[in-house]
Amino acid sequence: MGRSLKVKSEYIPRVKQAVKLNGYASQQLLAEELGFARSTITRFLNGKLISNLNFFEICQKLGLDYREIADWDELEETPAATSEDEGENRAADFSKYIERLSNPNFLKFVKA
C-alpha cells in the first residue's frame, strides 16, 4: 500500500473552500491546529502528495470524505489498479486503517 496521497484535481476548489468554511482564516492557522508544517497544508490544498496519515487527519479536521477526494490513481509506491475490484479493495484497506487510528487504545499507545 502506498504511503502518500493527493487530492484529485477536480476537488481542489472544494478542499480550499472547506478551509474557510471551517473557520480557518489562513493555512498557517490550520497547520498550527493540526501540529503540521504550513508546507504540508499547502501541498494538500494544491493537490500534491503528502503522507496518507496527514491526508486523513486534514480530511477529518475539515469534514471531508477522504475516500471521495483522494486521487487513488496516483498512489505513491502502489501499482495502478488493474480492475475495479482492486480499487475498491484499496479503499477498503484505507477504511480499516482509519478505524485503527480512531481506536482510543491506539491513541493511548501513540501518546505513551
PDB file of N, CA and C in Angstrom:
ATOM      1  N   MET A   1       0.850  -1.165   0.000  1.00  0.00           N
ATOM      2  CA  MET A   1       0.000   0.000   0.000  1.00  0.00           C
ATOM      3  C   MET A   1       0.897   1.230   0.000  1.00  0.00           C
ATOM      4  N   GLY A   2       0.521   2.240  -0.753  1.00  0.00           N
ATOM      5  CA  GLY A   2       1.310   3.456  -0.842  1.00  0.00           C
ATOM      6  C   GLY A   2       1.336   4.228   0.460  1.00  0.00           C
ATOM      7  N   ARG A   3       2.297   5.114   0.554  1.00  0.00           N
ATOM      8  CA  ARG A   3       2.445   5.908   1.762  1.00  0.00           C
ATOM      9  C   ARG A   3       1.975   7.338   1.580  1.00  0.00           C
ATOM     10  N   SER A   4       1.634   7.724   0.359  1.00  0.00           N
ATOM     11  CA  SER A   4       1.253   9.105   0.092  1.00  0.00           C
ATOM     12  C   SER A   4      -0.019   9.177  -0.730  1.00  0.00           C
ATOM     13  N   LEU A   5      -0.762  10.247  -0.508  1.00  0.00           N
ATOM     14  CA  LEU A   5      -1.991  10.514  -1.248  1.00  0.00           C
ATOM     15  C   LEU A   5      -2.015  11.974  -1.650  1.00  0.00           C
ATOM     16  N   LYS A   6      -2.860  12.268  -2.631  1.00  0.00           N
ATOM     17  CA  LYS A   6      -3.090  13.658  -3.001  1.00  0.00           C
ATOM     18  C   LYS A   6      -4.562  13.842  -3.340  1.00  0.00           C
ATOM     19  N   VAL A   7      -4.995  15.092  -3.314  1.00  0.00           N
ATOM     20  CA  VAL A   7      -6.374  15.440  -3.639  1.00  0.00           C
ATOM     21  C   VAL A   7      -6.544  15.398  -5.158  1.00  0.00           C
ATOM     22  N   LYS A   8      -7.656  14.820  -5.621  1.00  0.00           N
ATOM     23  CA  LYS A   8      -7.975  14.846  -7.046  1.00  0.00           C
ATOM     24  C   LYS A   8      -8.101  16.299  -7.482  1.00  0.00           C
ATOM     25  N   SER A   9      -7.609  16.594  -8.665  1.00  0.00           N
ATOM     26  CA  SER A   9      -7.598  17.983  -9.136  1.00  0.00           C
ATOM     27  C   SER A   9      -8.987  18.609  -9.154  1.00  0.00           C
ATOM     28  N   GLU A  10     -10.007  17.838  -9.477  1.00  0.00           N
ATOM     29  CA  GLU A  10     -11.357  18.413  -9.533  1.00  0.00           C
ATOM     30  C   GLU A  10     -11.914  18.768  -8.152  1.00  0.00           C
ATOM     31  N   TYR A  11     -11.299  18.269  -7.088  1.00  0.00           N
ATOM     32  CA  TYR A  11     -11.759  18.564  -5.728  1.00  0.00           C
ATOM     33  C   TYR A  11     -10.970  19.685  -5.050  1.00  0.00           C
ATOM     34  N   ILE A  12      -9.933  20.180  -5.684  1.00  0.00           N
ATOM     35  CA  ILE A  12      -9.109  21.221  -5.062  1.00  0.00           C
ATOM     36  C   ILE A  12      -9.927  22.455  -4.667  1.00  0.00           C
ATOM     37  N   PRO A  13     -10.807  22.990  -5.534  1.00  0.00           N
ATOM     38  CA  PRO A  13     -11.604  24.156  -5.100  1.00  0.00           C
ATOM     39  C   PRO A  13     -12.467  23.852  -3.871  1.00  0.00           C
ATOM     40  N   ARG A  14     -13.047  22.672  -3.821  1.00  0.00           N
ATOM     41  CA  ARG A  14     -13.890  22.280  -2.683  1.00  0.00           C
ATOM     42  C   ARG A  14     -13.068  22.180  -1.397  1.00  0.00           C
ATOM     43  N   VAL A  15     -11.868  21.644  -1.514  1.00  0.00           N
ATOM     44  CA  VAL A  15     -10.987  21.496  -0.358  1.00  0.00           C
ATOM     45  C   VAL A  15     -10.574  22.874   0.168  1.00  0.00           C
ATOM     46  N   LYS A  16     -10.222  23.773  -0.738  1.00  0.00           N
ATOM     47  CA  LYS A  16      -9.841  25.131  -0.331  1.00  0.00           C
ATOM     48  C   LYS A  16     -11.012  25.850   0.332  1.00  0.00           C
ATOM     49  N   GLN A  17     -12.214  25.628  -0.188  1.00  0.00           N
ATOM     50  CA  GLN A  17     -13.409  26.233   0.406  1.00  0.00           C
ATOM     51  C   GLN A  17     -13.656  25.669   1.807  1.00  0.00           C
ATOM     52  N   ALA A  18     -13.379  24.393   2.004  1.00  0.00           N
ATOM     53  CA  ALA A  18     -13.591  23.760   3.312  1.00  0.00           C
ATOM     54  C   ALA A  18     -12.733  24.407   4.389  1.00  0.00           C
ATOM     55  N   VAL A  19     -11.555  24.876   4.021  1.00  0.00           N
ATOM     56  CA  VAL A  19     -10.688  25.553   4.993  1.00  0.00           C
ATOM     57  C   VAL A  19     -11.409  26.780   5.538  1.00  0.00           C
ATOM     58  N   LYS A  20     -11.954  27.590   4.644  1.00  0.00           N
ATOM     59  CA  LYS A  20     -12.656  28.815   5.056  1.00  0.00           C
ATOM     60  C   LYS A  20     -13.943  28.490   5.811  1.00  0.00           C
ATOM     61  N   LEU A  21     -14.688  27.509   5.313  1.00  0.00           N
ATOM     62  CA  LEU A  21     -15.958  27.143   5.949  1.00  0.00           C
ATOM     63  C   LEU A  21     -15.767  26.615   7.366  1.00  0.00           C
ATOM     64  N   ASN A  22     -14.591  26.085   7.647  1.00  0.00           N
ATOM     65  CA  ASN A  22     -14.294  25.572   8.983  1.00  0.00           C
ATOM     66  C   ASN A  22     -13.640  26.613   9.880  1.00  0.00           C
ATOM     67  N   GLY A  23     -13.637  27.864   9.412  1.00  0.00           N
ATOM     68  CA  GLY A  23     -13.192  28.969  10.252  1.00  0.00           C
ATOM     69  C   GLY A  23     -11.701  29.238  10.285  1.00  0.00           C
ATOM     70  N   TYR A  24     -10.962  28.684   9.347  1.00  0.00           N
ATOM     71  CA  TYR A  24      -9.522  28.931   9.312  1.00  0.00           C
ATOM     72  C   TYR A  24      -9.244  30.068   8.336  1.00  0.00           C
ATOM     73  N   ALA A  25      -8.776  31.190   8.867  1.00  0.00           N
ATOM     74  CA  ALA A  25      -8.508  32.365   8.042  1.00  0.00           C
ATOM     75  C   ALA A  25      -7.241  32.198   7.207  1.00  0.00           C
ATOM     76  N   SER A  26      -6.410  31.241   7.587  1.00  0.00           N
ATOM     77  CA  SER A  26      -5.166  31.032   6.840  1.00  0.00           C
ATOM     78  C   SER A  26      -4.734  29.571   6.931  1.00  0.00           C
ATOM     79  N   GLN A  27      -3.867  29.200   6.015  1.00  0.00           N
ATOM     80  CA  GLN A  27      -3.286  27.861   6.047  1.00  0.00           C
ATOM     81  C   GLN A  27      -2.464  27.673   7.317  1.00  0.00           C
ATOM     82  N   GLN A  28      -1.825  28.733   7.751  1.00  0.00           N
ATOM     83  CA  GLN A  28      -0.990  28.674   8.952  1.00  0.00           C
ATOM     84  C   GLN A  28      -1.816  28.289  10.178  1.00  0.00           C
ATOM     85  N   LEU A  29      -3.017  28.864  10.302  1.00  0.00           N
ATOM     86  CA  LEU A  29      -3.875  28.545  11.451  1.00  0.00           C
ATOM     87  C   LEU A  29      -4.283  27.074  11.444  1.00  0.00           C
ATOM     88  N   LEU A  30      -4.621  26.559  10.275  1.00  0.00           N
ATOM     89  CA  LEU A  30      -4.971  25.140  10.167  1.00  0.00           C
ATOM     90  C   LEU A  30      -3.755  24.275  10.500  1.00  0.00           C
ATOM     91  N   ALA A  31      -2.605  24.653   9.985  1.00  0.00           N
ATOM     92  CA  ALA A  31      -1.377  23.898  10.256  1.00  0.00           C
ATOM     93  C   ALA A  31      -1.080  23.864  11.751  1.00  0.00           C
ATOM     94  N   GLU A  32      -1.214  25.006  12.411  1.00  0.00           N
ATOM     95  CA  GLU A  32      -0.951  25.068  13.850  1.00  0.00           C
ATOM     96  C   GLU A  32      -1.933  24.207  14.630  1.00  0.00           C
ATOM     97  N   GLU A  33      -3.195  24.234  14.227  1.00  0.00           N
ATOM     98  CA  GLU A  33      -4.227  23.432  14.897  1.00  0.00           C
ATOM     99  C   GLU A  33      -3.891  21.940  14.825  1.00  0.00           C
ATOM    100  N   LEU A  34      -3.370  21.512  13.688  1.00  0.00           N
ATOM    101  CA  LEU A  34      -3.046  20.097  13.483  1.00  0.00           C
ATOM    102  C   LEU A  34      -1.633  19.732  13.925  1.00  0.00           C
ATOM    103  N   GLY A  35      -0.811  20.738  14.175  1.00  0.00           N
ATOM    104  CA  GLY A  35       0.577  20.471  14.529  1.00  0.00           C
ATOM    105  C   GLY A  35       1.432  20.105  13.328  1.00  0.00           C
ATOM    106  N   PHE A  36       1.053  20.603  12.153  1.00  0.00           N
ATOM    107  CA  PHE A  36       1.772  20.334  10.908  1.00  0.00           C
ATOM    108  C   PHE A  36       2.538  21.570  10.469  1.00  0.00           C
ATOM    109  N   ALA A  37       3.488  21.370   9.581  1.00  0.00           N
ATOM    110  CA  ALA A  37       4.142  22.490   8.910  1.00  0.00           C
ATOM    111  C   ALA A  37       3.145  23.081   7.913  1.00  0.00           C
ATOM    112  N   ARG A  38       3.235  24.385   7.702  1.00  0.00           N
ATOM    113  CA  ARG A  38       2.335  25.027   6.736  1.00  0.00           C
ATOM    114  C   ARG A  38       2.521  24.420   5.350  1.00  0.00           C
ATOM    115  N   SER A  39       3.739  24.002   5.029  1.00  0.00           N
ATOM    116  CA  SER A  39       4.000  23.420   3.709  1.00  0.00           C
ATOM    117  C   SER A  39       3.181  22.150   3.471  1.00  0.00           C
ATOM    118  N   THR A  40       2.885  21.398   4.525  1.00  0.00           N
ATOM    119  CA  THR A  40       2.045  20.197   4.386  1.00  0.00           C
ATOM    120  C   THR A  40       0.640  20.594   3.966  1.00  0.00           C
ATOM    121  N   ILE A  41       0.103  21.629   4.601  1.00  0.00           N
ATOM    122  CA  ILE A  41      -1.236  22.112   4.251  1.00  0.00           C
ATOM    123  C   ILE A  41      -1.238  22.651   2.824  1.00  0.00           C
ATOM    124  N   THR A  42      -0.211  23.410   2.468  1.00  0.00           N
ATOM    125  CA  THR A  42      -0.108  23.967   1.119  1.00  0.00           C
ATOM    126  C   THR A  42      -0.072  22.857   0.082  1.00  0.00           C
ATOM    127  N   ARG A  43       0.712  21.821   0.336  1.00  0.00           N
ATOM    128  CA  ARG A  43       0.789  20.695  -0.602  1.00  0.00           C
ATOM    129  C   ARG A  43      -0.577  20.009  -0.734  1.00  0.00           C
ATOM    130  N   PHE A  44      -1.252  19.796   0.389  1.00  0.00           N
ATOM    131  CA  PHE A  44      -2.585  19.181   0.375  1.00  0.00           C
ATOM    132  C   PHE A  44      -3.541  20.013  -0.478  1.00  0.00           C
ATOM    133  N   LEU A  45      -3.569  21.325  -0.230  1.00  0.00           N
ATOM    134  CA  LEU A  45      -4.511  22.215  -0.915  1.00  0.00           C
ATOM    135  C   LEU A  45      -4.200  22.397  -2.395  1.00  0.00           C
ATOM    136  N   ASN A  46      -2.989  22.061  -2.802  1.00  0.00           N
ATOM    137  CA  ASN A  46      -2.605  22.206  -4.204  1.00  0.00           C
ATOM    138  C   ASN A  46      -2.504  20.874  -4.939  1.00  0.00           C
ATOM    139  N   GLY A  47      -3.020  19.812  -4.308  1.00  0.00           N
ATOM    140  CA  GLY A  47      -3.063  18.516  -4.973  1.00  0.00           C
ATOM    141  C   GLY A  47      -1.715  17.844  -5.133  1.00  0.00           C
ATOM    142  N   LYS A  48      -0.824  18.072  -4.175  1.00  0.00           N
ATOM    143  CA  LYS A  48       0.493  17.429  -4.180  1.00  0.00           C
ATOM    144  C   LYS A  48       0.486  16.276  -3.179  1.00  0.00           C
ATOM    145  N   LEU A  49       1.358  15.318  -3.375  1.00  0.00           N
ATOM    146  CA  LEU A  49       1.427  14.165  -2.483  1.00  0.00           C
ATOM    147  C   LEU A  49       1.853  14.568  -1.074  1.00  0.00           C
ATOM    148  N   ILE A  50       1.136  14.017  -0.090  1.00  0.00           N
ATOM    149  CA  ILE A  50       1.519  14.134   1.320  1.00  0.00           C
ATOM    150  C   ILE A  50       1.321  12.756   1.943  1.00  0.00           C
ATOM    151  N   SER A  51       1.844  12.549   3.130  1.00  0.00           N
ATOM    152  CA  SER A  51       1.696  11.237   3.767  1.00  0.00           C
ATOM    153  C   SER A  51       0.217  10.922   3.962  1.00  0.00           C
ATOM    154  N   ASN A  52      -0.109   9.640   3.847  1.00  0.00           N
ATOM    155  CA  ASN A  52      -1.519   9.276   3.975  1.00  0.00           C
ATOM    156  C   ASN A  52      -2.066   9.600   5.363  1.00  0.00           C
ATOM    157  N   LEU A  53      -1.259   9.487   6.395  1.00  0.00           N
ATOM    158  CA  LEU A  53      -1.732   9.820   7.733  1.00  0.00           C
ATOM    159  C   LEU A  53      -2.086  11.303   7.826  1.00  0.00           C
ATOM    160  N   ASN A  54      -1.228  12.170   7.298  1.00  0.00           N
ATOM    161  CA  ASN A  54      -1.533  13.606   7.286  1.00  0.00           C
ATOM    162  C   ASN A  54      -2.770  13.891   6.444  1.00  0.00           C
ATOM    163  N   PHE A  55      -2.884  13.194   5.312  1.00  0.00           N
ATOM    164  CA  PHE A  55      -4.045  13.354   4.431  1.00  0.00           C
ATOM    165  C   PHE A  55      -5.327  13.051   5.202  1.00  0.00           C
ATOM    166  N   PHE A  56      -5.336  11.936   5.922  1.00  0.00           N
ATOM    167  CA  PHE A  56      -6.519  11.538   6.684  1.00  0.00           C
ATOM    168  C   PHE A  56      -6.840  12.546   7.781  1.00  0.00           C
ATOM    169  N   GLU A  57      -5.822  13.007   8.484  1.00  0.00           N
ATOM    170  CA  GLU A  57      -6.051  13.959   9.580  1.00  0.00           C
ATOM    171  C   GLU A  57      -6.601  15.283   9.069  1.00  0.00           C
ATOM    172  N   ILE A  58      -6.078  15.773   7.963  1.00  0.00           N
ATOM    173  CA  ILE A  58      -6.578  17.027   7.399  1.00  0.00           C
ATOM    174  C   ILE A  58      -8.026  16.850   6.959  1.00  0.00           C
ATOM    175  N   CYS A  59      -8.310  15.753   6.282  1.00  0.00           N
ATOM    176  CA  CYS A  59      -9.689  15.486   5.841  1.00  0.00           C
ATOM    177  C   CYS A  59     -10.639  15.439   7.027  1.00  0.00           C
ATOM    178  N   GLN A  60     -10.230  14.761   8.080  1.00  0.00           N
ATOM    179  CA  GLN A  60     -11.083  14.653   9.267  1.00  0.00           C
ATOM    180  C   GLN A  60     -11.333  16.029   9.869  1.00  0.00           C
ATOM    181  N   LYS A  61     -10.289  16.836   9.991  1.00  0.00           N
ATOM    182  CA  LYS A  61     -10.409  18.169  10.586  1.00  0.00           C
ATOM    183  C   LYS A  61     -11.341  19.062   9.766  1.00  0.00           C
ATOM    184  N   LEU A  62     -11.309  18.905   8.432  1.00  0.00           N
ATOM    185  CA  LEU A  62     -12.116  19.751   7.551  1.00  0.00           C
ATOM    186  C   LEU A  62     -13.476  19.139   7.213  1.00  0.00           C
ATOM    187  N   GLY A  63     -13.761  17.954   7.748  1.00  0.00           N
ATOM    188  CA  GLY A  63     -15.044  17.306   7.478  1.00  0.00           C
ATOM    189  C   GLY A  63     -15.171  16.811   6.048  1.00  0.00           C
ATOM    190  N   LEU A  64     -14.058  16.399   5.465  1.00  0.00           N
ATOM    191  CA  LEU A  64     -14.045  15.906   4.089  1.00  0.00           C
ATOM    192  C   LEU A  64     -13.946  14.385   4.081  1.00  0.00           C
ATOM    193  N   ASP A  65     -14.587  13.763   3.103  1.00  0.00           N
ATOM    194  CA  ASP A  65     -14.525  12.313   2.953  1.00  0.00           C
ATOM    195  C   ASP A  65     -13.278  11.958   2.148  1.00  0.00           C
ATOM    196  N   TYR A  66     -12.272  11.410   2.820  1.00  0.00           N
ATOM    197  CA  TYR A  66     -11.013  11.091   2.145  1.00  0.00           C
ATOM    198  C   TYR A  66     -11.217  10.127   0.987  1.00  0.00           C
ATOM    199  N   ARG A  67     -12.204   9.228   1.100  1.00  0.00           N
ATOM    200  CA  ARG A  67     -12.441   8.242   0.042  1.00  0.00           C
ATOM    201  C   ARG A  67     -12.893   8.916  -1.241  1.00  0.00           C
ATOM    202  N   GLU A  68     -13.583  10.037  -1.096  1.00  0.00           N
ATOM    203  CA  GLU A  68     -14.105  10.753  -2.258  1.00  0.00           C
ATOM    204  C   GLU A  68     -13.048  11.642  -2.910  1.00  0.00           C
ATOM    205  N   ILE A  69     -12.255  12.335  -2.107  1.00  0.00           N
ATOM    206  CA  ILE A  69     -11.351  13.341  -2.674  1.00  0.00           C
ATOM    207  C   ILE A  69      -9.953  12.821  -2.997  1.00  0.00           C
ATOM    208  N   ALA A  70      -9.588  11.648  -2.486  1.00  0.00           N
ATOM    209  CA  ALA A  70      -8.245  11.106  -2.737  1.00  0.00           C
ATOM    210  C   ALA A  70      -8.100  10.674  -4.189  1.00  0.00           C
ATOM    211  N   ASP A  71      -6.948  10.945  -4.749  1.00  0.00           N
ATOM    212  CA  ASP A  71      -6.629  10.508  -6.106  1.00  0.00           C
ATOM    213  C   ASP A  71      -6.014   9.114  -6.011  1.00  0.00           C
ATOM    214  N   TRP A  72      -6.868   8.115  -6.042  1.00  0.00           N
ATOM    215  CA  TRP A  72      -6.431   6.726  -5.862  1.00  0.00           C
ATOM    216  C   TRP A  72      -5.558   6.249  -7.017  1.00  0.00           C
ATOM    217  N   ASP A  73      -5.664   6.905  -8.165  1.00  0.00           N
ATOM    218  CA  ASP A  73      -4.854   6.509  -9.316  1.00  0.00           C
ATOM    219  C   ASP A  73      -3.417   6.988  -9.197  1.00  0.00           C
ATOM    220  N   GLU A  74      -3.151   7.880  -8.256  1.00  0.00           N
ATOM    221  CA  GLU A  74      -1.816   8.458  -8.105  1.00  0.00           C
ATOM    222  C   GLU A  74      -1.148   8.036  -6.798  1.00  0.00           C
ATOM    223  N   LEU A  75      -1.488   6.875  -6.289  1.00  0.00           N
ATOM    224  CA  LEU A  75      -0.863   6.398  -5.058  1.00  0.00           C
ATOM    225  C   LEU A  75       0.628   6.198  -5.279  1.00  0.00           C
ATOM    226  N   GLU A  76       1.433   6.743  -4.393  1.00  0.00           N
ATOM    227  CA  GLU A  76       2.878   6.562  -4.481  1.00  0.00           C
ATOM    228  C   GLU A  76       3.237   5.156  -4.018  1.00  0.00           C
ATOM    229  N   GLU A  77       4.148   4.522  -4.720  1.00  0.00           N
ATOM    230  CA  GLU A  77       4.655   3.193  -4.403  1.00  0.00           C
ATOM    231  C   GLU A  77       3.593   2.103  -4.496  1.00  0.00           C
ATOM    232  N   THR A  78       2.524   2.365  -5.216  1.00  0.00           N
ATOM    233  CA  THR A  78       1.481   1.366  -5.393  1.00  0.00           C
ATOM    234  C   THR A  78       1.151   1.279  -6.874  1.00  0.00           C
ATOM    235  N   PRO A  79       1.213   0.092  -7.465  1.00  0.00           N
ATOM    236  CA  PRO A  79       0.862  -0.010  -8.880  1.00  0.00           C
ATOM    237  C   PRO A  79      -0.601   0.336  -9.104  1.00  0.00           C
ATOM    238  N   ALA A  80      -0.899   0.848 -10.280  1.00  0.00           N
ATOM    239  CA  ALA A  80      -2.277   1.206 -10.613  1.00  0.00           C
ATOM    240  C   ALA A  80      -3.155  -0.033 -10.557  1.00  0.00           C
ATOM    241  N   ALA A  81      -4.395   0.155 -10.148  1.00  0.00           N
ATOM    242  CA  ALA A  81      -5.336  -0.958 -10.073  1.00  0.00           C
ATOM    243  C   ALA A  81      -5.560  -1.522 -11.466  1.00  0.00           C
ATOM    244  N   THR A  82      -5.596  -2.845 -11.546  1.00  0.00           N
ATOM    245  CA  THR A  82      -5.823  -3.472 -12.837  1.00  0.00           C
ATOM    246  C   THR A  82      -7.294  -3.795 -13.038  1.00  0.00           C
ATOM    247  N   SER A  83      -8.075  -3.635 -12.005  1.00  0.00           N
ATOM    248  CA  SER A  83      -9.504  -3.866 -12.129  1.00  0.00           C
ATOM    249  C   SER A  83     -10.235  -2.969 -11.143  1.00  0.00           C
ATOM    250  N   GLU A  84     -11.512  -2.825 -11.360  1.00  0.00           N
ATOM    251  CA  GLU A  84     -12.328  -2.011 -10.458  1.00  0.00           C
ATOM    252  C   GLU A  84     -12.327  -2.598  -9.050  1.00  0.00           C
ATOM    253  N   ASP A  85     -12.309  -3.930  -8.952  1.00  0.00           N
ATOM    254  CA  ASP A  85     -12.298  -4.584  -7.644  1.00  0.00           C
ATOM    255  C   ASP A  85     -11.055  -4.223  -6.845  1.00  0.00           C
ATOM    256  N   GLU A  86      -9.902  -4.155  -7.505  1.00  0.00           N
ATOM    257  CA  GLU A  86      -8.671  -3.796  -6.800  1.00  0.00           C
ATOM    258  C   GLU A  86      -8.771  -2.396  -6.220  1.00  0.00           C
ATOM    259  N   GLY A  87      -9.333  -1.469  -6.975  1.00  0.00           N
ATOM    260  CA  GLY A  87      -9.500  -0.103  -6.481  1.00  0.00           C
ATOM    261  C   GLY A  87     -10.418  -0.061  -5.277  1.00  0.00           C
ATOM    262  N   GLU A  88     -11.494  -0.842  -5.316  1.00  0.00           N
ATOM    263  CA  GLU A  88     -12.412  -0.902  -4.178  1.00  0.00           C
ATOM    264  C   GLU A  88     -11.725  -1.527  -2.969  1.00  0.00           C
ATOM    265  N   ASN A  89     -10.920  -2.566  -3.197  1.00  0.00           N
ATOM    266  CA  ASN A  89     -10.191  -3.196  -2.094  1.00  0.00           C
ATOM    267  C   ASN A  89      -9.220  -2.219  -1.460  1.00  0.00           C
ATOM    268  N   ARG A  90      -8.566  -1.402  -2.272  1.00  0.00           N
ATOM    269  CA  ARG A  90      -7.621  -0.423  -1.762  1.00  0.00           C
ATOM    270  C   ARG A  90      -8.349   0.588  -0.873  1.00  0.00           C
ATOM    271  N   ALA A  91      -9.532   1.042  -1.301  1.00  0.00           N
ATOM    272  CA  ALA A  91     -10.312   1.979  -0.489  1.00  0.00           C
ATOM    273  C   ALA A  91     -10.739   1.323   0.819  1.00  0.00           C
ATOM    274  N   ALA A  92     -11.102   0.050   0.776  1.00  0.00           N
ATOM    275  CA  ALA A  92     -11.491  -0.670   1.992  1.00  0.00           C
ATOM    276  C   ALA A  92     -10.307  -0.790   2.946  1.00  0.00           C
ATOM    277  N   ASP A  93      -9.107  -1.018   2.408  1.00  0.00           N
ATOM    278  CA  ASP A  93      -7.908  -1.083   3.247  1.00  0.00           C
ATOM    279  C   ASP A  93      -7.688   0.232   3.978  1.00  0.00           C
ATOM    280  N   PHE A  94      -7.887   1.347   3.298  1.00  0.00           N
ATOM    281  CA  PHE A  94      -7.721   2.644   3.937  1.00  0.00           C
ATOM    282  C   PHE A  94      -8.782   2.859   5.009  1.00  0.00           C
ATOM    283  N   SER A  95      -9.992   2.370   4.769  1.00  0.00           N
ATOM    284  CA  SER A  95     -11.050   2.490   5.779  1.00  0.00           C
ATOM    285  C   SER A  95     -10.656   1.746   7.050  1.00  0.00           C
ATOM    286  N   LYS A  96     -10.087   0.555   6.899  1.00  0.00           N
ATOM    287  CA  LYS A  96      -9.636  -0.211   8.062  1.00  0.00           C
ATOM    288  C   LYS A  96      -8.516   0.528   8.792  1.00  0.00           C
ATOM    289  N   TYR A  97      -7.630   1.152   8.028  1.00  0.00           N
ATOM    290  CA  TYR A  97      -6.526   1.920   8.597  1.00  0.00           C
ATOM    291  C   TYR A  97      -7.067   3.063   9.450  1.00  0.00           C
ATOM    292  N   ILE A  98      -8.069   3.760   8.946  1.00  0.00           N
ATOM    293  CA  ILE A  98      -8.676   4.875   9.685  1.00  0.00           C
ATOM    294  C   ILE A  98      -9.356   4.358  10.946  1.00  0.00           C
ATOM    295  N   GLU A  99     -10.040   3.230  10.855  1.00  0.00           N
ATOM    296  CA  GLU A  99     -10.690   2.660  12.035  1.00  0.00           C
ATOM    297  C   GLU A  99      -9.665   2.376  13.129  1.00  0.00           C
ATOM    298  N   ARG A 100      -8.516   1.837  12.742  1.00  0.00           N
ATOM    299  CA  ARG A 100      -7.462   1.571  13.722  1.00  0.00           C
ATOM    300  C   ARG A 100      -6.954   2.860  14.347  1.00  0.00           C
ATOM    301  N   LEU A 101      -6.790   3.890  13.542  1.00  0.00           N
ATOM    302  CA  LEU A 101      -6.303   5.168  14.064  1.00  0.00           C
ATOM    303  C   LEU A 101      -7.305   5.800  15.017  1.00  0.00           C
ATOM    304  N   SER A 102      -8.591   5.536  14.806  1.00  0.00           N
ATOM    305  CA  SER A 102      -9.643   6.118  15.636  1.00  0.00           C
ATOM    306  C   SER A 102      -9.826   5.380  16.957  1.00  0.00           C
ATOM    307  N   ASN A 103      -9.244   4.211  17.084  1.00  0.00           N
ATOM    308  CA  ASN A 103      -9.377   3.405  18.290  1.00  0.00           C
ATOM    309  C   ASN A 103      -8.692   4.110  19.464  1.00  0.00           C
ATOM    310  N   PRO A 104      -9.416   4.362  20.567  1.00  0.00           N
ATOM    311  CA  PRO A 104      -8.819   5.047  21.722  1.00  0.00           C
ATOM    312  C   PRO A 104      -7.575   4.344  22.254  1.00  0.00           C
ATOM    313  N   ASN A 105      -7.533   3.020  22.195  1.00  0.00           N
ATOM    314  CA  ASN A 105      -6.360   2.283  22.667  1.00  0.00           C
ATOM    315  C   ASN A 105      -5.138   2.565  21.799  1.00  0.00           C
ATOM    316  N   PHE A 106      -5.351   2.728  20.499  1.00  0.00           N
ATOM    317  CA  PHE A 106      -4.251   3.069  19.606  1.00  0.00           C
ATOM    318  C   PHE A 106      -3.708   4.447  19.955  1.00  0.00           C
ATOM    319  N   LEU A 107      -4.600   5.391  20.207  1.00  0.00           N
ATOM    320  CA  LEU A 107      -4.174   6.748  20.545  1.00  0.00           C
ATOM    321  C   LEU A 107      -3.391   6.769  21.847  1.00  0.00           C
ATOM    322  N   LYS A 108      -3.795   5.956  22.830  1.00  0.00           N
ATOM    323  CA  LYS A 108      -3.054   5.875  24.089  1.00  0.00           C
ATOM    324  C   LYS A 108      -1.651   5.337  23.843  1.00  0.00           C
ATOM    325  N   PHE A 109      -1.557   4.332  22.972  1.00  0.00           N
ATOM    326  CA  PHE A 109      -0.264   3.733  22.655  1.00  0.00           C
ATOM    327  C   PHE A 109       0.660   4.752  21.993  1.00  0.00           C
ATOM    328  N   VAL A 110       0.127   5.524  21.055  1.00  0.00           N
ATOM    329  CA  VAL A 110       0.926   6.505  20.331  1.00  0.00           C
ATOM    330  C   VAL A 110       1.406   7.610  21.257  1.00  0.00           C
ATOM    331  N   LYS A 111       0.563   8.034  22.201  1.00  0.00           N
ATOM    332  CA  LYS A 111       0.912   9.124  23.111  1.00  0.00           C
ATOM    333  C   LYS A 111       1.896   8.689  24.192  1.00  0.00           C
ATOM    334  N   ALA A 112       1.974   7.382  24.457  1.00  0.00           N
ATOM    335  CA  ALA A 112       2.845   6.872  25.533  1.00  0.00           C
ATOM    336  C   ALA A 112       4.308   7.032  25.221  1.00  0.00           C
TER     337      ALA A 112
END
